[in-house]
C-alpha atoms as a PDB file:
ATOM      1  CA  UNK A   1     130.157  76.631  92.574  1.00  0.00           C
ATOM      2  CA  UNK A   2     131.402  80.189  93.084  1.00  0.00           C
ATOM      3  CA  UNK A   3     128.478  82.472  93.948  1.00  0.00           C
ATOM      4  CA  UNK A   4     127.777  85.763  95.681  1.00  0.00           C
ATOM      5  CA  UNK A   5     125.570  84.990  98.670  1.00  0.00           C
ATOM      6  CA  UNK A   6     124.830  88.533  99.810  1.00  0.00           C
ATOM      7  CA  UNK A   7     126.233  91.931 100.705  1.00  0.00           C
ATOM      8  CA  UNK A   8     126.668  92.399 104.444  1.00  0.00           C
ATOM      9  CA  UNK A   9     127.978  94.705 107.175  1.00  0.00           C
ATOM     10  CA  UNK A  10     130.224  92.709 109.510  1.00  0.00           C
ATOM     11  CA  UNK A  11     132.578  93.236 112.421  1.00  0.00           C
ATOM     12  CA  UNK A  12     136.136  93.880 111.270  1.00  0.00           C
ATOM     13  CA  UNK A  13     137.341  91.452 113.917  1.00  0.00           C
ATOM     14  CA  UNK A  14     135.409  88.641 112.238  1.00  0.00           C
ATOM     15  CA  UNK A  15     137.496  88.809 109.050  1.00  0.00           C
ATOM     16  CA  UNK A  16     140.372  86.330 109.023  1.00  0.00           C
ATOM     17  CA  UNK A  17     143.162  85.498 106.552  1.00  0.00           C
ATOM     18  CA  UNK A  18     143.208  81.924 105.259  1.00  0.00           C
ATOM     19  CA  UNK A  19     146.725  80.426 104.844  1.00  0.00           C
ATOM     20  CA  UNK A  20     145.884  79.279 101.285  1.00  0.00           C
ATOM     21  CA  UNK A  21     144.249  82.551 100.192  1.00  0.00           C
ATOM     22  CA  UNK A  22     146.733  85.395 100.400  1.00  0.00           C
ATOM     23  CA  UNK A  23     147.752  88.649  98.765  1.00  0.00           C
ATOM     24  CA  UNK A  24     150.115  87.669  95.960  1.00  0.00           C
ATOM     25  CA  UNK A  25     151.825  91.017  95.636  1.00  0.00           C
ATOM     26  CA  UNK A  26     153.907  92.472  98.465  1.00  0.00           C
ATOM     27  CA  UNK A  27     151.884  94.971 100.448  1.00  0.00           C
ATOM     28  CA  UNK A  28     152.583  98.468  99.117  1.00  0.00           C
ATOM     29  CA  UNK A  29     152.644 100.796 102.118  1.00  0.00           C
ATOM     30  CA  UNK A  30     152.310 103.897  99.941  1.00  0.00           C
ATOM     31  CA  UNK A  31     149.160 102.420  98.443  1.00  0.00           C
ATOM     32  CA  UNK A  32     147.866 101.540 101.906  1.00  0.00           C
ATOM     33  CA  UNK A  33     148.321 105.129 103.115  1.00  0.00           C
ATOM     34  CA  UNK A  34     146.666 106.490  99.962  1.00  0.00           C
ATOM     35  CA  UNK A  35     143.665 104.229 100.529  1.00  0.00           C
ATOM     36  CA  UNK A  36     143.564 105.188 104.210  1.00  0.00           C
ATOM     37  CA  UNK A  37     143.303 108.890 103.369  1.00  0.00           C
ATOM     38  CA  UNK A  38     140.628 108.222 100.752  1.00  0.00           C
ATOM     39  CA  UNK A  39     138.575 105.874 102.940  1.00  0.00           C
ATOM     40  CA  UNK A  40     138.715 108.244 105.901  1.00  0.00           C
ATOM     41  CA  UNK A  41     137.454 111.054 103.692  1.00  0.00           C
ATOM     42  CA  UNK A  42     134.935 109.237 101.473  1.00  0.00           C
ATOM     43  CA  UNK A  43     134.198 105.959 103.240  1.00  0.00           C
ATOM     44  CA  UNK A  44     134.743 102.430 101.921  1.00  0.00           C
ATOM     45  CA  UNK A  45     133.249 102.811  98.436  1.00  0.00           C
ATOM     46  CA  UNK A  46     134.095  99.265  97.324  1.00  0.00           C
ATOM     47  CA  UNK A  47     133.283  96.391  99.718  1.00  0.00           C
ATOM     48  CA  UNK A  48     135.856  93.791 100.657  1.00  0.00           C
ATOM     49  CA  UNK A  49     135.273  90.303  99.284  1.00  0.00           C
ATOM     50  CA  UNK A  50     135.074  87.592 101.917  1.00  0.00           C
ATOM     51  CA  UNK A  51     134.513  83.841 101.801  1.00  0.00           C
ATOM     52  CA  UNK A  52     131.978  82.491 104.267  1.00  0.00           C
ATOM     53  CA  UNK A  53     133.258  78.964 104.751  1.00  0.00           C
ATOM     54  CA  UNK A  54     130.850  78.316 107.596  1.00  0.00           C
ATOM     55  CA  UNK A  55     128.093  80.571 108.946  1.00  0.00           C
ATOM     56  CA  UNK A  56     129.726  83.620 110.532  1.00  0.00           C
ATOM     57  CA  UNK A  57     133.257  82.502 109.551  1.00  0.00           C
ATOM     58  CA  UNK A  58     134.764  84.996 107.081  1.00  0.00           C
ATOM     59  CA  UNK A  59     138.084  84.787 105.206  1.00  0.00           C
ATOM     60  CA  UNK A  60     139.420  87.687 103.139  1.00  0.00           C
ATOM     61  CA  UNK A  61     139.569  86.999  99.374  1.00  0.00           C
ATOM     62  CA  UNK A  62     139.841  90.484  97.857  1.00  0.00           C
ATOM     63  CA  UNK A  63     140.799  93.884  99.278  1.00  0.00           C
ATOM     64  CA  UNK A  64     144.012  93.301 101.228  1.00  0.00           C
ATOM     65  CA  UNK A  65     145.290  96.849 100.752  1.00  0.00           C
ATOM     66  CA  UNK A  66     141.924  98.327 101.708  1.00  0.00           C
ATOM     67  CA  UNK A  67     141.726  96.188 104.855  1.00  0.00           C
ATOM     68  CA  UNK A  68     145.207  97.307 105.917  1.00  0.00           C
ATOM     69  CA  UNK A  69     144.214 100.897 105.172  1.00  0.00           C
ATOM     70  CA  UNK A  70     141.268 100.554 107.551  1.00  0.00           C
ATOM     71  CA  UNK A  71     143.519  99.013 110.195  1.00  0.00           C
ATOM     72  CA  UNK A  72     145.846 102.003 109.740  1.00  0.00           C
ATOM     73  CA  UNK A  73     142.929 104.377 110.353  1.00  0.00           C
ATOM     74  CA  UNK A  74     141.915 102.435 113.460  1.00  0.00           C
ATOM     75  CA  UNK A  75     145.409 102.858 114.933  1.00  0.00           C
ATOM     76  CA  UNK A  76     144.863 106.613 114.976  1.00  0.00           C
ATOM     77  CA  UNK A  77     141.122 106.580 115.620  1.00  0.00           C
ATOM     78  CA  UNK A  78     139.999 103.580 117.695  1.00  0.00           C
ATOM     79  CA  UNK A  79     136.354 102.797 117.134  1.00  0.00           C
ATOM     80  CA  UNK A  80     136.345 103.855 113.493  1.00  0.00           C
ATOM     81  CA  UNK A  81     135.166 101.148 111.087  1.00  0.00           C
ATOM     82  CA  UNK A  82     134.260  98.622 113.754  1.00  0.00           C
ATOM     83  CA  UNK A  83     132.000  97.170 111.065  1.00  0.00           C
ATOM     84  CA  UNK A  84     132.662  97.249 107.326  1.00  0.00           C
ATOM     85  CA  UNK A  85     130.867  96.498 104.070  1.00  0.00           C
ATOM     86  CA  UNK A  86     131.631  93.138 102.488  1.00  0.00           C
ATOM     87  CA  UNK A  87     130.555  91.045  99.534  1.00  0.00           C
ATOM     88  CA  UNK A  88     130.058  87.514 100.849  1.00  0.00           C
ATOM     89  CA  UNK A  89     130.892  84.702  98.423  1.00  0.00           C
ATOM     90  CA  UNK A  90     130.648  80.947  98.722  1.00  0.00           C
ATOM     91  CA  UNK A  91     132.381  78.026  97.049  1.00  0.00           C
ATOM     92  CA  UNK A  92     135.123  75.509  97.696  1.00  0.00           C
ATOM     93  CA  UNK A  93     138.729  76.337  98.574  1.00  0.00           C
ATOM     94  CA  UNK A  94     139.993  75.919  94.997  1.00  0.00           C
ATOM     95  CA  UNK A  95     137.407  78.417  93.771  1.00  0.00           C
ATOM     96  CA  UNK A  96     138.411  80.899  96.470  1.00  0.00           C
ATOM     97  CA  UNK A  97     142.072  80.555  95.548  1.00  0.00           C
ATOM     98  CA  UNK A  98     141.134  81.059  91.892  1.00  0.00           C
ATOM     99  CA  UNK A  99     139.087  84.168  92.654  1.00  0.00           C
ATOM    100  CA  UNK A 100     141.856  85.545  94.862  1.00  0.00           C
ATOM    101  CA  UNK A 101     144.476  85.010  92.158  1.00  0.00           C
ATOM    102  CA  UNK A 102     142.241  86.594  89.521  1.00  0.00           C
ATOM    103  CA  UNK A 103     141.556  89.650  91.665  1.00  0.00           C
ATOM    104  CA  UNK A 104     145.295  90.113  92.189  1.00  0.00           C
ATOM    105  CA  UNK A 105     146.000  89.839  88.476  1.00  0.00           C
ATOM    106  CA  UNK A 106     142.903  91.503  87.042  1.00  0.00           C
ATOM    107  CA  UNK A 107     143.965  95.150  87.207  1.00  0.00           C
ATOM    108  CA  UNK A 108     144.472  97.696  84.470  1.00  0.00           C
ATOM    109  CA  UNK A 109     148.227  97.776  85.093  1.00  0.00           C
ATOM    110  CA  UNK A 110     148.631  93.989  85.231  1.00  0.00           C
ATOM    111  CA  UNK A 111     151.218  92.332  82.984  1.00  0.00           C
ATOM    112  CA  UNK A 112     150.419  89.084  81.218  1.00  0.00           C
ATOM    113  CA  UNK A 113     152.931  87.307  83.491  1.00  0.00           C
ATOM    114  CA  UNK A 114     150.686  88.038  86.478  1.00  0.00           C
ATOM    115  CA  UNK A 115     148.049  85.716  85.031  1.00  0.00           C
ATOM    116  CA  UNK A 116     150.424  82.789  84.552  1.00  0.00           C
ATOM    117  CA  UNK A 117     150.188  81.149  87.963  1.00  0.00           C
ATOM    118  CA  UNK A 118     146.416  81.537  88.023  1.00  0.00           C
ATOM    119  CA  UNK A 119     145.900  79.984  84.601  1.00  0.00           C
ATOM    120  CA  UNK A 120     148.277  77.092  85.270  1.00  0.00           C
ATOM    121  CA  UNK A 121     146.767  76.470  88.694  1.00  0.00           C
ATOM    122  CA  UNK A 122     143.214  76.348  87.328  1.00  0.00           C
ATOM    123  CA  UNK A 123     144.250  74.227  84.358  1.00  0.00           C
ATOM    124  CA  UNK A 124     145.801  71.734  86.770  1.00  0.00           C
ATOM    125  CA  UNK A 125     142.523  71.849  88.721  1.00  0.00           C
ATOM    126  CA  UNK A 126     140.804  70.576  85.530  1.00  0.00           C
ATOM    127  CA  UNK A 127     139.181  73.810  84.411  1.00  0.00           C
ATOM    128  CA  UNK A 128     138.742  73.507  80.637  1.00  0.00           C
ATOM    129  CA  UNK A 129     140.092  76.192  78.302  1.00  0.00           C
ATOM    130  CA  UNK A 130     136.673  77.629  77.489  1.00  0.00           C
ATOM    131  CA  UNK A 131     135.891  78.088  81.175  1.00  0.00           C
ATOM    132  CA  UNK A 132     139.276  79.711  81.760  1.00  0.00           C
ATOM    133  CA  UNK A 133     138.779  82.074  78.811  1.00  0.00           C
ATOM    134  CA  UNK A 134     135.350  83.090  80.112  1.00  0.00           C
ATOM    135  CA  UNK A 135     136.669  83.543  83.666  1.00  0.00           C
ATOM    136  CA  UNK A 136     139.414  85.924  82.494  1.00  0.00           C
ATOM    137  CA  UNK A 137     137.403  87.537  79.673  1.00  0.00           C
ATOM    138  CA  UNK A 138     140.121  86.480  77.237  1.00  0.00           C
ATOM    139  CA  UNK A 139     140.327  84.358  74.108  1.00  0.00           C
ATOM    140  CA  UNK A 140     140.803  80.582  74.176  1.00  0.00           C
ATOM    141  CA  UNK A 141     144.002  81.017  72.135  1.00  0.00           C
ATOM    142  CA  UNK A 142     145.403  83.333  74.848  1.00  0.00           C
ATOM    143  CA  UNK A 143     144.781  80.613  77.442  1.00  0.00           C
ATOM    144  CA  UNK A 144     146.264  77.912  75.183  1.00  0.00           C
ATOM    145  CA  UNK A 145     149.485  79.875  74.698  1.00  0.00           C
ATOM    146  CA  UNK A 146     149.999  80.272  78.434  1.00  0.00           C
ATOM    147  CA  UNK A 147     149.389  76.568  79.029  1.00  0.00           C
ATOM    148  CA  UNK A 148     151.755  75.628  76.204  1.00  0.00           C
ATOM    149  CA  UNK A 149     154.689  77.928  76.892  1.00  0.00           C
ATOM    150  CA  UNK A 150     154.736  78.895  80.570  1.00  0.00           C
ATOM    151  CA  UNK A 151     155.385  75.561  82.358  1.00  0.00           C
ATOM    152  CA  UNK A 152     158.740  75.086  80.578  1.00  0.00           C
ATOM    153  CA  UNK A 153     159.691  78.757  80.346  1.00  0.00           C
ATOM    154  CA  UNK A 154     163.270  79.616  81.296  1.00  0.00           C
ATOM    155  CA  UNK A 155     163.198  81.437  84.684  1.00  0.00           C
ATOM    156  CA  UNK A 156     165.353  84.224  83.229  1.00  0.00           C
ATOM    157  CA  UNK A 157     162.764  84.866  80.538  1.00  0.00           C
ATOM    158  CA  UNK A 158     159.981  84.898  83.119  1.00  0.00           C
ATOM    159  CA  UNK A 159     161.950  87.504  85.085  1.00  0.00           C
ATOM    160  CA  UNK A 160     162.321  89.657  81.971  1.00  0.00           C
ATOM    161  CA  UNK A 161     158.562  89.463  81.461  1.00  0.00           C
ATOM    162  CA  UNK A 162     157.883  90.345  85.085  1.00  0.00           C
ATOM    163  CA  UNK A 163     160.187  93.373  84.756  1.00  0.00           C
ATOM    164  CA  UNK A 164     158.630  94.486  81.474  1.00  0.00           C
ATOM    165  CA  UNK A 165     161.910  93.997  79.596  1.00  0.00           C
ATOM    166  CA  UNK A 166     160.468  91.632  76.991  1.00  0.00           C
ATOM    167  CA  UNK A 167     157.030  91.472  75.398  1.00  0.00           C
ATOM    168  CA  UNK A 168     154.836  88.404  75.624  1.00  0.00           C
ATOM    169  CA  UNK A 169     154.995  88.131  71.821  1.00  0.00           C
ATOM    170  CA  UNK A 170     158.806  87.988  71.886  1.00  0.00           C
ATOM    171  CA  UNK A 171     158.811  85.621  74.875  1.00  0.00           C
ATOM    172  CA  UNK A 172     156.538  83.216  72.968  1.00  0.00           C
ATOM    173  CA  UNK A 173     158.921  83.270  70.014  1.00  0.00           C
ATOM    174  CA  UNK A 174     161.820  82.354  72.279  1.00  0.00           C
ATOM    175  CA  UNK A 175     159.811  79.611  74.008  1.00  0.00           C
ATOM    176  CA  UNK A 176     158.763  78.172  70.635  1.00  0.00           C
ATOM    177  CA  UNK A 177     162.344  78.049  69.379  1.00  0.00           C
ATOM    178  CA  UNK A 178     163.500  76.372  72.586  1.00  0.00           C
ATOM    179  CA  UNK A 179     160.736  73.766  72.304  1.00  0.00           C
ATOM    180  CA  UNK A 180     161.728  73.061  68.681  1.00  0.00           C
ATOM    181  CA  UNK A 181     165.456  72.837  69.470  1.00  0.00           C
ATOM    182  CA  UNK A 182     167.223  69.506  69.014  1.00  0.00           C
ATOM    183  CA  UNK A 183     167.088  67.295  72.125  1.00  0.00           C
ATOM    184  CA  UNK A 184     169.862  68.220  74.528  1.00  0.00           C
ATOM    185  CA  UNK A 185     170.353  71.704  73.069  1.00  0.00           C
ATOM    186  CA  UNK A 186     167.402  73.416  74.762  1.00  0.00           C
ATOM    187  CA  UNK A 187     169.464  75.253  77.376  1.00  0.00           C
ATOM    188  CA  UNK A 188     172.070  76.309  74.829  1.00  0.00           C
ATOM    189  CA  UNK A 189     169.277  77.653  72.600  1.00  0.00           C
ATOM    190  CA  UNK A 190     167.668  79.532  75.493  1.00  0.00           C
ATOM    191  CA  UNK A 191     171.045  80.998  76.511  1.00  0.00           C
ATOM    192  CA  UNK A 192     171.675  82.254  72.975  1.00  0.00           C
ATOM    193  CA  UNK A 193     168.199  83.707  72.386  1.00  0.00           C
ATOM    194  CA  UNK A 194     168.047  85.482  75.738  1.00  0.00           C
ATOM    195  CA  UNK A 195     171.554  86.886  75.241  1.00  0.00           C
ATOM    196  CA  UNK A 196     170.568  88.121  71.771  1.00  0.00           C
ATOM    197  CA  UNK A 197     167.496  89.813  73.186  1.00  0.00           C
ATOM    198  CA  UNK A 198     169.457  91.505  75.967  1.00  0.00           C
ATOM    199  CA  UNK A 199     172.076  92.752  73.518  1.00  0.00           C
ATOM    200  CA  UNK A 200     169.465  94.135  71.161  1.00  0.00           C
ATOM    201  CA  UNK A 201     169.900  91.425  68.596  1.00  0.00           C
ATOM    202  CA  UNK A 202     170.092  93.922  65.771  1.00  0.00           C
ATOM    203  CA  UNK A 203     166.292  94.044  65.594  1.00  0.00           C
ATOM    204  CA  UNK A 204     164.427  97.041  64.308  1.00  0.00           C
ATOM    205  CA  UNK A 205     161.697  98.714  66.351  1.00  0.00           C
ATOM    206  CA  UNK A 206     158.338  97.146  65.626  1.00  0.00           C
ATOM    207  CA  UNK A 207     155.958  99.173  63.504  1.00  0.00           C
ATOM    208  CA  UNK A 208     152.982 100.513  65.410  1.00  0.00           C
ATOM    209  CA  UNK A 209     149.850  98.473  64.585  1.00  0.00           C
ATOM    210  CA  UNK A 210     147.738 101.629  64.926  1.00  0.00           C
ATOM    211  CA  UNK A 211     148.661 105.296  65.140  1.00  0.00           C
ATOM    212  CA  UNK A 212     146.538 108.213  66.319  1.00  0.00           C
ATOM    213  CA  UNK A 213     146.697 109.636  62.797  1.00  0.00           C
ATOM    214  CA  UNK A 214     145.461 106.407  61.182  1.00  0.00           C
ATOM    215  CA  UNK A 215     142.722 105.923  63.771  1.00  0.00           C
ATOM    216  CA  UNK A 216     141.494 109.498  63.281  1.00  0.00           C
ATOM    217  CA  UNK A 217     141.598 109.153  59.483  1.00  0.00           C
ATOM    218  CA  UNK A 218     139.674 105.863  59.516  1.00  0.00           C
ATOM    219  CA  UNK A 219     137.026 107.144  61.906  1.00  0.00           C
ATOM    220  CA  UNK A 220     136.603 110.394  59.935  1.00  0.00           C
ATOM    221  CA  UNK A 221     136.164 108.444  56.708  1.00  0.00           C
ATOM    222  CA  UNK A 222     133.623 106.182  58.370  1.00  0.00           C
ATOM    223  CA  UNK A 223     131.585 109.157  59.640  1.00  0.00           C
ATOM    224  CA  UNK A 224     131.678 110.950  56.251  1.00  0.00           C
ATOM    225  CA  UNK A 225     130.259 107.834  54.616  1.00  0.00           C
ATOM    226  CA  UNK A 226     127.210 108.267  56.802  1.00  0.00           C
ATOM    227  CA  UNK A 227     127.899 105.193  58.890  1.00  0.00           C
ATOM    228  CA  UNK A 228     127.031 105.101  62.555  1.00  0.00           C
ATOM    229  CA  UNK A 229     129.010 103.119  65.084  1.00  0.00           C
ATOM    230  CA  UNK A 230     128.162 102.443  68.716  1.00  0.00           C
ATOM    231  CA  UNK A 231     130.889 101.091  71.002  1.00  0.00           C
ATOM    232  CA  UNK A 232     130.001  99.327  74.233  1.00  0.00           C
ATOM    233  CA  UNK A 233     133.257  99.094  76.155  1.00  0.00           C
ATOM    234  CA  UNK A 234     134.700  98.758  79.632  1.00  0.00           C
ATOM    235  CA  UNK A 235     137.841 100.201  81.207  1.00  0.00           C
ATOM    236  CA  UNK A 236     139.970  97.254  80.040  1.00  0.00           C
ATOM    237  CA  UNK A 237     138.921  97.900  76.416  1.00  0.00           C
ATOM    238  CA  UNK A 238     139.876 101.572  76.697  1.00  0.00           C
ATOM    239  CA  UNK A 239     143.191 100.696  78.352  1.00  0.00           C
ATOM    240  CA  UNK A 240     143.967  98.215  75.548  1.00  0.00           C
ATOM    241  CA  UNK A 241     143.298 100.881  72.912  1.00  0.00           C
ATOM    242  CA  UNK A 242     145.510 103.413  74.688  1.00  0.00           C
ATOM    243  CA  UNK A 243     148.334 100.868  74.947  1.00  0.00           C
ATOM    244  CA  UNK A 244     148.081 100.108  71.231  1.00  0.00           C
ATOM    245  CA  UNK A 245     148.095 103.811  70.326  1.00  0.00           C
ATOM    246  CA  UNK A 246     151.043 104.362  72.671  1.00  0.00           C
ATOM    247  CA  UNK A 247     152.948 101.730  70.712  1.00  0.00           C
ATOM    248  CA  UNK A 248     155.270 100.480  73.471  1.00  0.00           C
ATOM    249  CA  UNK A 249     155.317  97.004  75.033  1.00  0.00           C
ATOM    250  CA  UNK A 250     152.023  96.086  73.373  1.00  0.00           C
ATOM    251  CA  UNK A 251     150.796  92.738  74.632  1.00  0.00           C
ATOM    252  CA  UNK A 252     149.038  90.446  72.150  1.00  0.00           C
ATOM    253  CA  UNK A 253     145.836  90.552  74.174  1.00  0.00           C
ATOM    254  CA  UNK A 254     145.816  94.375  74.059  1.00  0.00           C
ATOM    255  CA  UNK A 255     145.959  94.373  70.268  1.00  0.00           C
ATOM    256  CA  UNK A 256     143.418  91.563  70.007  1.00  0.00           C
ATOM    257  CA  UNK A 257     140.988  93.337  72.336  1.00  0.00           C
ATOM    258  CA  UNK A 258     141.407  96.707  70.583  1.00  0.00           C
ATOM    259  CA  UNK A 259     140.809  95.170  67.150  1.00  0.00           C
ATOM    260  CA  UNK A 260     137.707  93.391  68.391  1.00  0.00           C
ATOM    261  CA  UNK A 261     136.166  96.363  70.220  1.00  0.00           C
ATOM    262  CA  UNK A 262     137.157  99.151  67.775  1.00  0.00           C
ATOM    263  CA  UNK A 263     137.184  97.600  64.270  1.00  0.00           C
ATOM    264  CA  UNK A 264     136.401 100.963  62.605  1.00  0.00           C
ATOM    265  CA  UNK A 265     139.721 102.413  63.796  1.00  0.00           C
ATOM    266  CA  UNK A 266     141.686  99.608  62.116  1.00  0.00           C
ATOM    267  CA  UNK A 267     139.849  99.877  58.785  1.00  0.00           C
ATOM    268  CA  UNK A 268     142.050  99.698  55.682  1.00  0.00           C
ATOM    269  CA  UNK A 269     141.907 102.311  52.936  1.00  0.00           C
END
């Protein structure tokens, strides 16, 4: 079972990289240098996450850019950060891989496609849908859609998702039509639908599900009626709301989260 054992202060030389637990995004040197400047000025404000497989044996699970930033500092200033703050976790290898994948995907700027490999991996490791939904703080339906559509997704469509050139909602529509195509015509259907999407397909821009004007109007009306509303939110909730208000490349989970956390703003006249 995945648990936090303790917070510790360990030698930087004791932290290893496990071959099955790696950083799943290419190391961004600009980000490393930014972290290095910040850490040198303010210290390591967020501890690295390490897996203690055996007593005193630590493998890095989260914080690859921050570790490289510290190593960058040490090149210029030997002796700095000989010991660093860590959060020590325990569990089996599958749980460490799952946590590592989640930490790589679970960022404010993450696209839905960055969760795919994690969800599929954990589903294949016999995590049930409810456990997956709880782990990612998402709905069960969001998990079910990934499990249904991603394994057979055309690689070209996955690339479009990765590049932000198609929304998850549109990608699901294409996947559904390919799955429902007559046997033997799946590739032809995928070719046609992807080509239509790339050419514009004659589609009209989607109507914004919520505008700043509508949100302001609904909230003002709610306040004038003497109703009080308290919102307990986190940064992901706020990001989802901003994406919905922005009205571009809205992912289904952004809209779902915004509707759930800010129902007053979506109130109908």
